[in-house]
N, C-alpha and C. Protein backbone atom coordinates (compact mmCIF):
# COMPACT_ATOMS: atom_id res chain seq x y z
N UNK A 1 -13.35 -4.79 -12.08
CA UNK A 1 -11.96 -4.78 -12.39
C UNK A 1 -11.88 -3.80 -13.56
N UNK A 2 -12.82 -3.65 -14.69
CA UNK A 2 -12.64 -2.77 -15.55
C UNK A 2 -12.63 -1.20 -15.14
N UNK A 3 -13.63 -1.06 -13.99
CA UNK A 3 -13.54 -0.10 -13.38
C UNK A 3 -12.25 0.51 -12.65
N UNK A 4 -11.46 -0.33 -11.85
CA UNK A 4 -10.11 -0.14 -11.41
C UNK A 4 -9.17 0.07 -12.54
N UNK A 5 -9.03 -0.54 -13.66
CA UNK A 5 -8.30 -0.11 -14.63
C UNK A 5 -8.54 1.06 -15.27
N UNK A 6 -9.82 1.46 -15.52
CA UNK A 6 -9.96 2.90 -15.90
C UNK A 6 -9.75 4.02 -14.85
N UNK A 7 -9.75 3.69 -13.37
CA UNK A 7 -9.50 4.60 -12.39
C UNK A 7 -7.82 4.82 -12.79
N UNK A 8 -7.29 3.61 -12.72
CA UNK A 8 -5.67 3.65 -12.55
C UNK A 8 -5.21 4.33 -13.76
N UNK A 9 -5.73 4.15 -14.99
CA UNK A 9 -5.52 4.81 -16.18
C UNK A 9 -5.83 6.32 -16.24
N UNK A 10 -6.96 6.79 -15.64
CA UNK A 10 -7.27 8.23 -15.56
C UNK A 10 -6.31 8.94 -14.64
N UNK A 11 -5.87 8.23 -13.33
CA UNK A 11 -5.02 8.78 -12.67
C UNK A 11 -3.56 9.12 -13.16
N UNK A 12 -3.30 8.20 -13.83
CA UNK A 12 -1.76 8.26 -14.53
C UNK A 12 -1.98 9.25 -15.60
N UNK A 13 -2.89 9.44 -16.22
CA UNK A 13 -2.83 10.47 -17.35
C UNK A 13 -3.02 11.78 -16.70
N UNK A 14 -3.94 12.09 -15.43
CA UNK A 14 -4.10 13.08 -14.81
C UNK A 14 -2.69 13.82 -14.08
N UNK A 15 -2.00 12.56 -13.51
CA UNK A 15 -0.77 13.08 -12.59
C UNK A 15 0.54 13.35 -13.85
N UNK A 16 0.36 12.74 -15.18
CA UNK A 16 1.24 13.05 -16.05
C UNK A 16 1.19 14.47 -16.58
N UNK A 17 -0.08 14.88 -16.77
CA UNK A 17 -0.33 16.22 -17.11
C UNK A 17 0.14 17.16 -15.89
N UNK A 18 -0.34 16.77 -14.73
CA UNK A 18 0.33 17.77 -13.50
C UNK A 18 1.84 17.85 -13.60
N UNK A 19 2.33 16.72 -13.74
CA UNK A 19 3.98 16.67 -14.02
C UNK A 19 4.46 17.65 -14.90
N UNK A 20 3.81 17.89 -15.74
CA UNK A 20 4.35 18.92 -16.72
C UNK A 20 4.51 20.43 -16.13
N UNK A 21 4.12 20.75 -14.95
CA UNK A 21 4.19 21.92 -14.43
C UNK A 21 5.46 22.43 -14.13
N UNK A 22 6.37 21.42 -13.92
CA UNK A 22 7.79 21.36 -13.56
C UNK A 22 8.02 22.13 -12.20
N UNK A 23 7.37 21.88 -11.28
CA UNK A 23 7.52 22.24 -9.86
C UNK A 23 8.96 21.60 -9.34
N UNK A 24 9.36 22.17 -8.37
CA UNK A 24 10.64 21.72 -7.93
C UNK A 24 10.41 20.24 -7.19
N UNK A 25 11.44 19.37 -7.76
CA UNK A 25 11.40 18.24 -7.19
C UNK A 25 12.16 17.77 -5.89
N UNK A 26 12.12 16.86 -5.51
CA UNK A 26 12.59 16.48 -3.90
C UNK A 26 13.87 15.21 -4.03
N UNK A 27 14.65 15.28 -5.05
CA UNK A 27 15.53 14.14 -5.19
C UNK A 27 16.24 14.05 -3.90
N UNK A 28 16.46 12.80 -3.49
CA UNK A 28 17.42 12.81 -2.12
C UNK A 28 16.27 12.71 -0.85
N UNK A 29 15.27 13.06 -1.23
CA UNK A 29 14.37 13.29 0.16
C UNK A 29 13.75 12.10 0.61
N UNK A 30 13.48 11.90 2.04
CA UNK A 30 13.20 10.60 2.43
C UNK A 30 12.03 10.75 3.45
N UNK A 31 11.14 9.83 3.85
CA UNK A 31 10.31 9.87 4.94
C UNK A 31 10.06 8.45 5.32
N UNK A 32 9.69 8.53 6.62
CA UNK A 32 9.25 7.30 7.33
C UNK A 32 7.69 7.79 8.04
N UNK A 33 6.91 6.59 7.74
CA UNK A 33 5.53 6.82 8.09
C UNK A 33 4.80 5.62 8.63
N UNK A 34 3.86 5.88 9.52
CA UNK A 34 3.02 4.93 9.84
C UNK A 34 1.70 4.88 9.17
N UNK A 35 1.12 3.68 9.04
CA UNK A 35 -0.09 3.31 8.14
C UNK A 35 -1.22 2.74 9.07
N UNK A 36 -2.33 3.24 8.56
CA UNK A 36 -3.78 2.46 9.26
C UNK A 36 -4.45 2.35 7.69
N UNK A 37 -5.28 1.49 8.02
CA UNK A 37 -6.34 1.25 6.81
C UNK A 37 -7.23 0.10 6.98
N UNK A 38 -7.84 -0.29 6.04
CA UNK A 38 -8.82 -1.27 5.73
C UNK A 38 -8.69 -2.14 4.60
N UNK A 39 -8.75 -3.56 4.71
CA UNK A 39 -8.48 -4.69 3.74
C UNK A 39 -9.94 -4.78 3.35
N UNK A 40 -10.23 -4.53 2.00
CA UNK A 40 -11.74 -4.61 1.55
C UNK A 40 -12.42 -6.06 1.63
N UNK A 41 -11.51 -6.98 0.88
CA UNK A 41 -12.04 -8.27 0.80
C UNK A 41 -12.30 -8.96 2.02
N UNK A 42 -11.42 -8.88 2.97
CA UNK A 42 -11.55 -9.58 4.37
C UNK A 42 -12.26 -8.71 5.18
N UNK A 43 -12.47 -7.48 5.13
CA UNK A 43 -12.96 -6.63 5.90
C UNK A 43 -12.29 -6.57 7.47
N UNK A 44 -10.96 -6.20 7.11
CA UNK A 44 -9.94 -6.36 8.24
C UNK A 44 -9.36 -4.96 8.51
N UNK A 45 -8.87 -4.69 9.65
CA UNK A 45 -8.19 -3.55 9.69
C UNK A 45 -6.85 -3.84 9.34
N UNK A 46 -5.89 -2.83 8.95
CA UNK A 46 -4.52 -2.70 8.45
C UNK A 46 -3.60 -1.86 9.26
N UNK A 47 -2.60 -2.31 9.67
CA UNK A 47 -1.54 -1.16 10.22
C UNK A 47 -0.16 -1.77 9.49
N UNK A 48 0.73 -0.45 9.57
CA UNK A 48 2.05 -0.75 8.90
C UNK A 48 2.95 0.23 9.04
N UNK A 49 4.20 0.04 8.33
CA UNK A 49 4.94 1.20 8.29
C UNK A 49 5.72 1.24 7.07
N UNK A 50 6.22 2.48 6.56
CA UNK A 50 6.95 2.46 5.36
C UNK A 50 7.94 3.38 5.31
N UNK A 51 8.94 3.37 4.30
CA UNK A 51 10.07 4.17 4.16
C UNK A 51 10.09 4.69 2.63
N UNK A 52 10.17 6.09 2.29
CA UNK A 52 10.10 6.25 1.04
C UNK A 52 11.40 7.21 0.56
N UNK A 53 11.85 6.87 -0.52
CA UNK A 53 13.20 7.58 -0.89
C UNK A 53 13.04 7.95 -2.44
N UNK A 54 13.10 9.32 -2.32
CA UNK A 54 13.30 9.83 -4.00
C UNK A 54 14.44 9.71 -4.45
N UNK A 55 14.59 8.71 -5.63
CA UNK A 55 15.54 8.52 -6.17
C UNK A 55 16.02 9.67 -7.29
N UNK A 56 14.83 10.23 -7.94
CA UNK A 56 14.96 11.14 -8.94
C UNK A 56 13.83 12.16 -8.49
N UNK A 57 13.58 13.38 -8.99
CA UNK A 57 12.91 14.44 -8.50
C UNK A 57 11.26 13.95 -8.67
N UNK A 58 11.14 13.10 -9.58
CA UNK A 58 9.65 12.63 -9.68
C UNK A 58 9.44 11.13 -9.44
N UNK A 59 10.33 10.37 -9.17
CA UNK A 59 10.35 8.94 -8.96
C UNK A 59 11.00 8.71 -7.71
N UNK A 60 10.19 7.86 -6.82
CA UNK A 60 10.63 7.40 -5.49
C UNK A 60 10.38 5.96 -5.30
N UNK A 61 11.09 5.40 -4.64
CA UNK A 61 10.97 3.82 -3.98
C UNK A 61 10.25 3.74 -2.57
N UNK A 62 9.34 2.97 -2.48
CA UNK A 62 8.66 2.98 -1.36
C UNK A 62 8.30 1.39 -0.71
N UNK A 63 9.39 0.88 -0.25
CA UNK A 63 8.97 -0.40 0.69
C UNK A 63 8.13 -0.20 1.91
N UNK A 64 7.47 -1.30 2.24
CA UNK A 64 6.46 -1.07 3.41
C UNK A 64 6.04 -2.29 3.76
N UNK A 65 5.65 -2.47 5.16
CA UNK A 65 5.32 -3.70 5.73
C UNK A 65 4.00 -3.54 6.32
N UNK A 66 3.26 -4.16 5.76
CA UNK A 66 1.60 -4.10 6.35
C UNK A 66 1.13 -5.55 6.99
N UNK A 67 0.44 -5.07 7.90
CA UNK A 67 -0.27 -6.46 8.87
C UNK A 67 -1.58 -6.29 8.68
N UNK A 68 -2.32 -7.35 8.25
CA UNK A 68 -3.77 -7.31 8.33
C UNK A 68 -4.27 -8.15 9.54
N UNK A 69 -4.78 -7.36 10.49
CA UNK A 69 -5.13 -8.01 11.61
C UNK A 69 -6.05 -9.12 11.67
N UNK A 70 -5.83 -10.09 12.44
CA UNK A 70 -6.32 -11.31 12.65
C UNK A 70 -7.90 -11.11 13.06
N UNK A 71 -8.64 -11.81 11.99
CA UNK A 71 -10.05 -11.91 12.04
C UNK A 71 -10.42 -13.04 11.58
N UNK A 72 -11.47 -14.07 12.03
CA UNK A 72 -12.02 -15.39 11.75
C UNK A 72 -10.82 -16.37 11.41
N UNK A 73 -9.75 -16.07 12.32
CA UNK A 73 -8.79 -16.93 12.64
C UNK A 73 -7.68 -17.02 11.38
N UNK A 74 -7.61 -15.74 10.88
CA UNK A 74 -6.73 -15.66 9.76
C UNK A 74 -5.94 -14.23 9.98
N UNK A 75 -4.75 -14.19 9.53
CA UNK A 75 -4.14 -12.97 9.44
C UNK A 75 -3.17 -12.87 8.30
N UNK A 76 -2.52 -11.80 7.90
CA UNK A 76 -1.74 -11.77 6.82
C UNK A 76 -0.67 -10.58 6.94
N UNK A 77 0.53 -10.88 6.57
CA UNK A 77 1.76 -9.86 6.63
C UNK A 77 2.12 -9.67 4.94
N UNK A 78 2.23 -8.31 4.65
CA UNK A 78 2.68 -8.03 3.24
C UNK A 78 3.89 -7.30 3.17
N UNK A 79 4.89 -7.72 2.58
CA UNK A 79 6.06 -7.10 2.52
C UNK A 79 6.18 -6.64 0.88
N UNK A 80 6.22 -5.26 0.61
CA UNK A 80 5.98 -4.60 -0.57
C UNK A 80 7.30 -3.79 -0.96
N UNK A 81 7.48 -3.61 -2.48
CA UNK A 81 8.36 -2.93 -2.94
C UNK A 81 7.81 -2.18 -4.12
N UNK A 82 7.49 -0.82 -3.74
CA UNK A 82 6.67 -0.22 -4.85
C UNK A 82 7.56 0.84 -5.41
N UNK A 83 7.17 1.48 -6.36
CA UNK A 83 7.61 2.72 -6.76
C UNK A 83 6.39 3.60 -7.27
N UNK A 84 6.64 4.99 -7.07
CA UNK A 84 5.70 6.11 -7.39
C UNK A 84 6.25 6.94 -8.41
N UNK A 85 5.43 7.48 -9.19
CA UNK A 85 5.50 8.46 -10.27
C UNK A 85 4.97 9.81 -9.62
N UNK A 86 5.66 10.81 -9.17
CA UNK A 86 5.27 11.87 -8.48
C UNK A 86 4.77 12.97 -9.39
N UNK A 87 3.55 13.33 -9.20
CA UNK A 87 3.13 14.51 -9.89
C UNK A 87 2.60 15.60 -8.87
N UNK A 88 3.42 16.89 -8.95
CA UNK A 88 3.16 17.63 -7.95
C UNK A 88 2.15 18.86 -8.38
N UNK A 89 0.88 18.65 -7.94
CA UNK A 89 -0.05 19.49 -8.10
C UNK A 89 0.16 21.09 -7.84
N UNK A 90 0.72 21.17 -6.39
CA UNK A 90 1.28 22.40 -5.93
C UNK A 90 2.36 22.12 -5.02
N UNK A 91 3.09 22.88 -4.48
CA UNK A 91 4.16 22.68 -3.68
C UNK A 91 3.75 21.95 -2.50
N UNK A 92 2.35 21.79 -1.99
CA UNK A 92 2.17 20.98 -0.90
C UNK A 92 1.25 19.79 -1.17
N UNK A 93 0.91 19.67 -2.45
CA UNK A 93 0.04 18.41 -2.87
C UNK A 93 0.56 17.70 -3.73
N UNK A 94 0.75 16.42 -3.82
CA UNK A 94 1.25 15.57 -4.69
C UNK A 94 0.13 14.06 -4.93
N UNK A 95 0.18 13.86 -6.34
CA UNK A 95 -0.70 12.55 -6.62
C UNK A 95 0.52 11.59 -7.30
N UNK A 96 0.10 10.44 -7.16
CA UNK A 96 0.96 9.37 -7.77
C UNK A 96 0.09 8.05 -7.93
N UNK A 97 0.64 7.60 -9.03
CA UNK A 97 0.40 6.07 -9.58
C UNK A 97 1.43 5.16 -8.57
N UNK A 98 0.81 4.07 -8.27
CA UNK A 98 1.58 3.07 -7.60
C UNK A 98 1.83 1.77 -8.50
N UNK A 99 3.11 1.35 -8.48
CA UNK A 99 3.31 -0.15 -9.19
C UNK A 99 4.20 -0.77 -8.26
N UNK A 100 4.40 -2.09 -8.23
CA UNK A 100 5.53 -2.67 -7.61
C UNK A 100 5.01 -4.23 -7.14
N UNK A 101 5.85 -4.77 -6.40
CA UNK A 101 5.58 -6.11 -6.16
C UNK A 101 5.45 -6.57 -4.59
N UNK A 102 4.78 -7.56 -4.21
CA UNK A 102 4.42 -7.67 -2.85
C UNK A 102 4.56 -9.06 -2.60
N UNK A 103 4.83 -9.68 -1.54
CA UNK A 103 5.06 -10.83 -0.83
C UNK A 103 4.16 -10.95 0.29
N UNK A 104 2.97 -11.72 0.30
CA UNK A 104 2.18 -11.89 1.47
C UNK A 104 2.31 -13.12 2.12
N UNK A 105 2.18 -13.06 3.40
CA UNK A 105 2.23 -14.46 4.13
C UNK A 105 1.03 -14.72 4.79
N UNK A 106 0.13 -15.57 4.67
CA UNK A 106 -1.06 -15.80 4.90
C UNK A 106 -0.98 -16.98 6.05
N UNK A 107 -1.50 -16.59 7.32
CA UNK A 107 -1.66 -17.71 8.28
C UNK A 107 -2.96 -17.87 8.67
N UNK A 108 -3.33 -19.13 8.75
CA UNK A 108 -4.72 -19.60 9.23
C UNK A 108 -4.81 -20.58 10.33
N UNK A 109 -5.73 -20.43 11.24
CA UNK A 109 -5.89 -21.18 12.20
C UNK A 109 -7.18 -22.26 12.21
N UNK A 110 -7.12 -23.32 12.46
CA UNK A 110 -8.49 -23.92 12.59
C UNK A 110 -9.18 -23.34 13.66
N UNK A 111 -10.63 -23.42 13.36
CA UNK A 111 -11.64 -23.02 14.08
C UNK A 111 -11.53 -23.52 15.61
N UNK A 112 -11.72 -23.19 16.67
CA UNK A 112 -11.54 -23.73 18.06
C UNK A 112 -12.47 -24.83 18.17
N UNK A 113 -13.69 -24.82 17.54
CA UNK A 113 -14.42 -25.95 17.63
C UNK A 113 -13.99 -27.25 16.86
N UNK A 114 -13.27 -27.04 15.71
CA UNK A 114 -12.77 -28.04 14.91
C UNK A 114 -11.40 -28.54 15.63
N UNK A 115 -10.63 -27.73 16.28
CA UNK A 115 -9.57 -28.20 16.98
C UNK A 115 -9.91 -28.91 18.28
N UNK A 116 -10.93 -28.58 18.89
CA UNK A 116 -11.28 -29.49 20.13
C UNK A 116 -11.95 -30.88 19.72
N UNK A 117 -12.68 -30.86 18.44
CA UNK A 117 -13.16 -31.83 17.95
C UNK A 117 -12.05 -32.93 17.28
N UNK A 118 -11.07 -32.33 16.95
CA UNK A 118 -9.92 -33.18 15.95
C UNK A 118 -9.04 -33.45 17.13
N UNK A 119 -8.89 -32.57 18.21
CA UNK A 119 -7.77 -32.81 19.24
C UNK A 119 -6.50 -32.24 18.70
N UNK A 120 -6.39 -31.39 17.86
CA UNK A 120 -5.15 -30.88 17.36
C UNK A 120 -5.25 -29.27 17.58
N UNK A 121 -4.02 -28.91 17.58
CA UNK A 121 -3.77 -27.41 17.45
C UNK A 121 -3.02 -27.07 15.94
N UNK A 122 -3.81 -26.56 15.00
CA UNK A 122 -3.06 -26.66 13.70
C UNK A 122 -3.12 -25.20 13.26
N UNK A 123 -2.23 -24.85 12.63
CA UNK A 123 -2.02 -23.57 11.94
C UNK A 123 -1.51 -23.80 10.49
N UNK A 124 -2.21 -23.46 9.60
CA UNK A 124 -1.48 -23.38 8.00
C UNK A 124 -1.02 -22.18 7.74
N UNK A 125 -0.21 -22.01 6.83
CA UNK A 125 0.42 -20.88 6.13
C UNK A 125 0.56 -20.99 4.85
N UNK A 126 0.59 -19.96 4.22
CA UNK A 126 0.91 -19.91 2.63
C UNK A 126 1.55 -18.51 2.37
N UNK A 127 2.52 -18.60 1.40
CA UNK A 127 3.27 -17.38 1.02
C UNK A 127 2.95 -17.32 -0.67
N UNK A 128 2.55 -15.98 -0.83
CA UNK A 128 2.29 -15.56 -2.12
C UNK A 128 3.05 -14.38 -2.92
N UNK A 129 3.38 -14.44 -4.14
CA UNK A 129 3.95 -13.20 -4.69
C UNK A 129 2.66 -12.61 -5.44
N UNK A 130 2.94 -11.23 -5.70
CA UNK A 130 1.67 -10.50 -6.19
C UNK A 130 2.14 -9.24 -6.80
N UNK A 131 1.41 -8.66 -7.52
CA UNK A 131 1.79 -7.42 -8.21
C UNK A 131 0.75 -6.30 -7.59
N UNK A 132 1.51 -5.22 -7.01
CA UNK A 132 0.83 -4.05 -6.54
C UNK A 132 0.39 -3.00 -7.39
N UNK A 133 -0.83 -2.41 -7.63
CA UNK A 133 -1.34 -1.32 -8.42
C UNK A 133 -2.21 -0.47 -7.78
N UNK A 134 -2.10 0.65 -8.00
CA UNK A 134 -2.94 1.79 -7.24
C UNK A 134 -2.52 3.14 -7.51
N UNK A 135 -2.85 3.81 -6.65
CA UNK A 135 -2.97 5.45 -6.71
C UNK A 135 -2.93 6.13 -5.18
N UNK A 136 -2.26 7.28 -5.32
CA UNK A 136 -2.22 7.89 -3.93
C UNK A 136 -2.16 9.55 -4.09
N UNK A 137 -2.33 10.02 -2.98
CA UNK A 137 -1.95 11.48 -2.85
C UNK A 137 -1.65 11.78 -1.42
N UNK A 138 -0.88 13.04 -1.34
CA UNK A 138 -0.45 13.21 0.01
C UNK A 138 -0.34 14.85 -0.05
N UNK A 139 -0.52 15.45 1.23
CA UNK A 139 -0.55 16.76 1.55
C UNK A 139 0.76 17.02 2.46
N UNK A 140 1.39 18.27 1.97
CA UNK A 140 2.39 18.34 3.01
C UNK A 140 1.94 19.35 4.13
N UNK A 141 1.74 18.74 5.61
CA UNK A 141 0.99 19.63 6.62
C UNK A 141 1.92 20.58 7.17
N UNK A 142 3.21 20.32 7.55
CA UNK A 142 4.24 21.14 7.85
C UNK A 142 5.54 20.99 7.00
N UNK A 143 6.50 21.68 7.42
CA UNK A 143 7.78 21.42 6.78
C UNK A 143 8.33 20.02 6.54
N UNK A 144 8.08 19.36 7.87
CA UNK A 144 8.50 17.75 8.30
C UNK A 144 7.47 16.87 8.40
N UNK A 145 6.18 17.21 8.29
CA UNK A 145 4.97 16.40 8.34
C UNK A 145 4.18 16.10 7.08
N UNK A 146 3.90 15.09 6.53
CA UNK A 146 2.81 14.97 5.67
C UNK A 146 2.02 13.94 5.90
N UNK A 147 0.77 13.94 5.11
CA UNK A 147 -0.35 13.22 5.54
C UNK A 147 -1.03 12.68 3.93
N UNK A 148 -1.41 11.46 3.82
CA UNK A 148 -1.71 11.02 2.60
C UNK A 148 -2.90 9.77 2.87
N UNK A 149 -3.30 9.52 1.39
CA UNK A 149 -4.23 8.29 1.43
C UNK A 149 -3.77 7.61 0.16
N UNK A 150 -4.17 6.23 0.08
CA UNK A 150 -3.85 5.38 -0.93
C UNK A 150 -5.20 4.29 -1.13
N UNK A 151 -5.11 3.94 -2.42
CA UNK A 151 -6.06 2.86 -2.64
C UNK A 151 -4.98 1.89 -3.63
N UNK A 152 -4.70 0.72 -3.07
CA UNK A 152 -3.78 -0.19 -3.64
C UNK A 152 -4.69 -1.84 -3.91
N UNK A 153 -4.28 -2.29 -4.87
CA UNK A 153 -4.65 -3.73 -5.20
C UNK A 153 -3.22 -4.48 -5.26
N UNK A 154 -3.46 -5.62 -4.67
CA UNK A 154 -2.45 -6.57 -4.78
C UNK A 154 -3.19 -7.98 -5.60
N UNK A 155 -2.70 -8.02 -6.71
CA UNK A 155 -3.22 -9.13 -7.55
C UNK A 155 -2.11 -10.33 -7.13
N UNK A 156 -2.70 -11.35 -6.77
CA UNK A 156 -1.87 -12.55 -6.30
C UNK A 156 -2.45 -13.90 -6.82
N UNK A 157 -1.63 -14.87 -7.24
CA UNK A 157 -1.97 -16.10 -7.87
C UNK A 157 -3.07 -16.64 -6.87
N UNK A 158 -3.96 -17.56 -7.47
CA UNK A 158 -4.88 -18.32 -7.08
C UNK A 158 -5.77 -17.57 -5.98
N UNK A 159 -6.49 -16.76 -6.32
CA UNK A 159 -7.59 -16.13 -5.35
C UNK A 159 -7.07 -15.46 -3.86
N UNK A 160 -5.92 -15.01 -3.98
CA UNK A 160 -5.25 -14.45 -3.00
C UNK A 160 -5.49 -12.56 -2.92
N UNK A 161 -6.17 -12.16 -3.98
CA UNK A 161 -6.07 -10.88 -4.21
C UNK A 161 -6.73 -10.04 -2.97
N UNK A 162 -6.24 -8.79 -2.88
CA UNK A 162 -6.46 -8.02 -1.73
C UNK A 162 -6.54 -6.39 -2.32
N UNK A 163 -7.52 -5.84 -1.95
CA UNK A 163 -7.73 -4.25 -2.17
C UNK A 163 -7.89 -3.69 -0.70
N UNK A 164 -6.85 -2.74 -0.75
CA UNK A 164 -6.97 -1.68 0.62
C UNK A 164 -7.02 -0.38 0.28
N UNK A 165 -7.59 0.33 1.26
CA UNK A 165 -7.62 1.71 1.49
C UNK A 165 -6.76 2.01 2.57
N UNK A 166 -5.77 2.93 2.58
CA UNK A 166 -4.67 3.22 3.50
C UNK A 166 -4.77 4.63 3.84
N UNK A 167 -4.26 5.03 5.00
CA UNK A 167 -3.96 6.29 5.23
C UNK A 167 -2.39 6.42 5.91
N UNK A 168 -1.82 7.26 5.81
CA UNK A 168 -0.38 7.43 6.16
C UNK A 168 -0.12 9.11 6.84
N UNK A 169 0.65 8.94 7.93
CA UNK A 169 1.20 10.17 8.54
C UNK A 169 2.60 9.97 8.49
N UNK A 170 3.53 10.80 8.06
CA UNK A 170 5.06 10.48 7.95
C UNK A 170 5.67 11.71 8.35
N UNK A 171 7.02 11.54 8.70
CA UNK A 171 8.07 12.47 9.05
C UNK A 171 8.93 12.60 7.67
N UNK A 172 9.28 13.93 7.21
CA UNK A 172 10.21 14.05 5.98
C UNK A 172 11.49 14.38 6.56
N UNK A 173 12.39 13.84 5.88
CA UNK A 173 13.81 14.22 6.25
C UNK A 173 14.68 14.24 4.90
């Protein structure tokens, strides 16, 4: 936990220094992207989509929907509303800390052996609200395409925390 807080603090300080370069901003620019990744705690694959909109030159809103693929009879949906503080390193490279909120919907199925033993087909579900924190970076591959990576951590009540490593490819417009 201390290491994570140190890394987030370090990235924030680093990106704040880069932001002072006063590179051209992109107020009003949007992107839509596809996401793939890995949920670390559950060792599960993640897929998703997002939309990003620069409300100011250095601040953007980034809602996303992520699906943690079913494994061991459980899967999860994440609905996130995040903000990024953009630090342009060069015209093609951007770093950013992530902060926001997320709602996660967890679904569990009884193991098939238990379903047969009990003679029931049972699905349990749970919805949790959490805080998203992390950092990311992206590279403008062409005028209209960007690629990037993120580390995010969703702190949720009662032990539903989840760390994720994500990769994204998006179309700028």
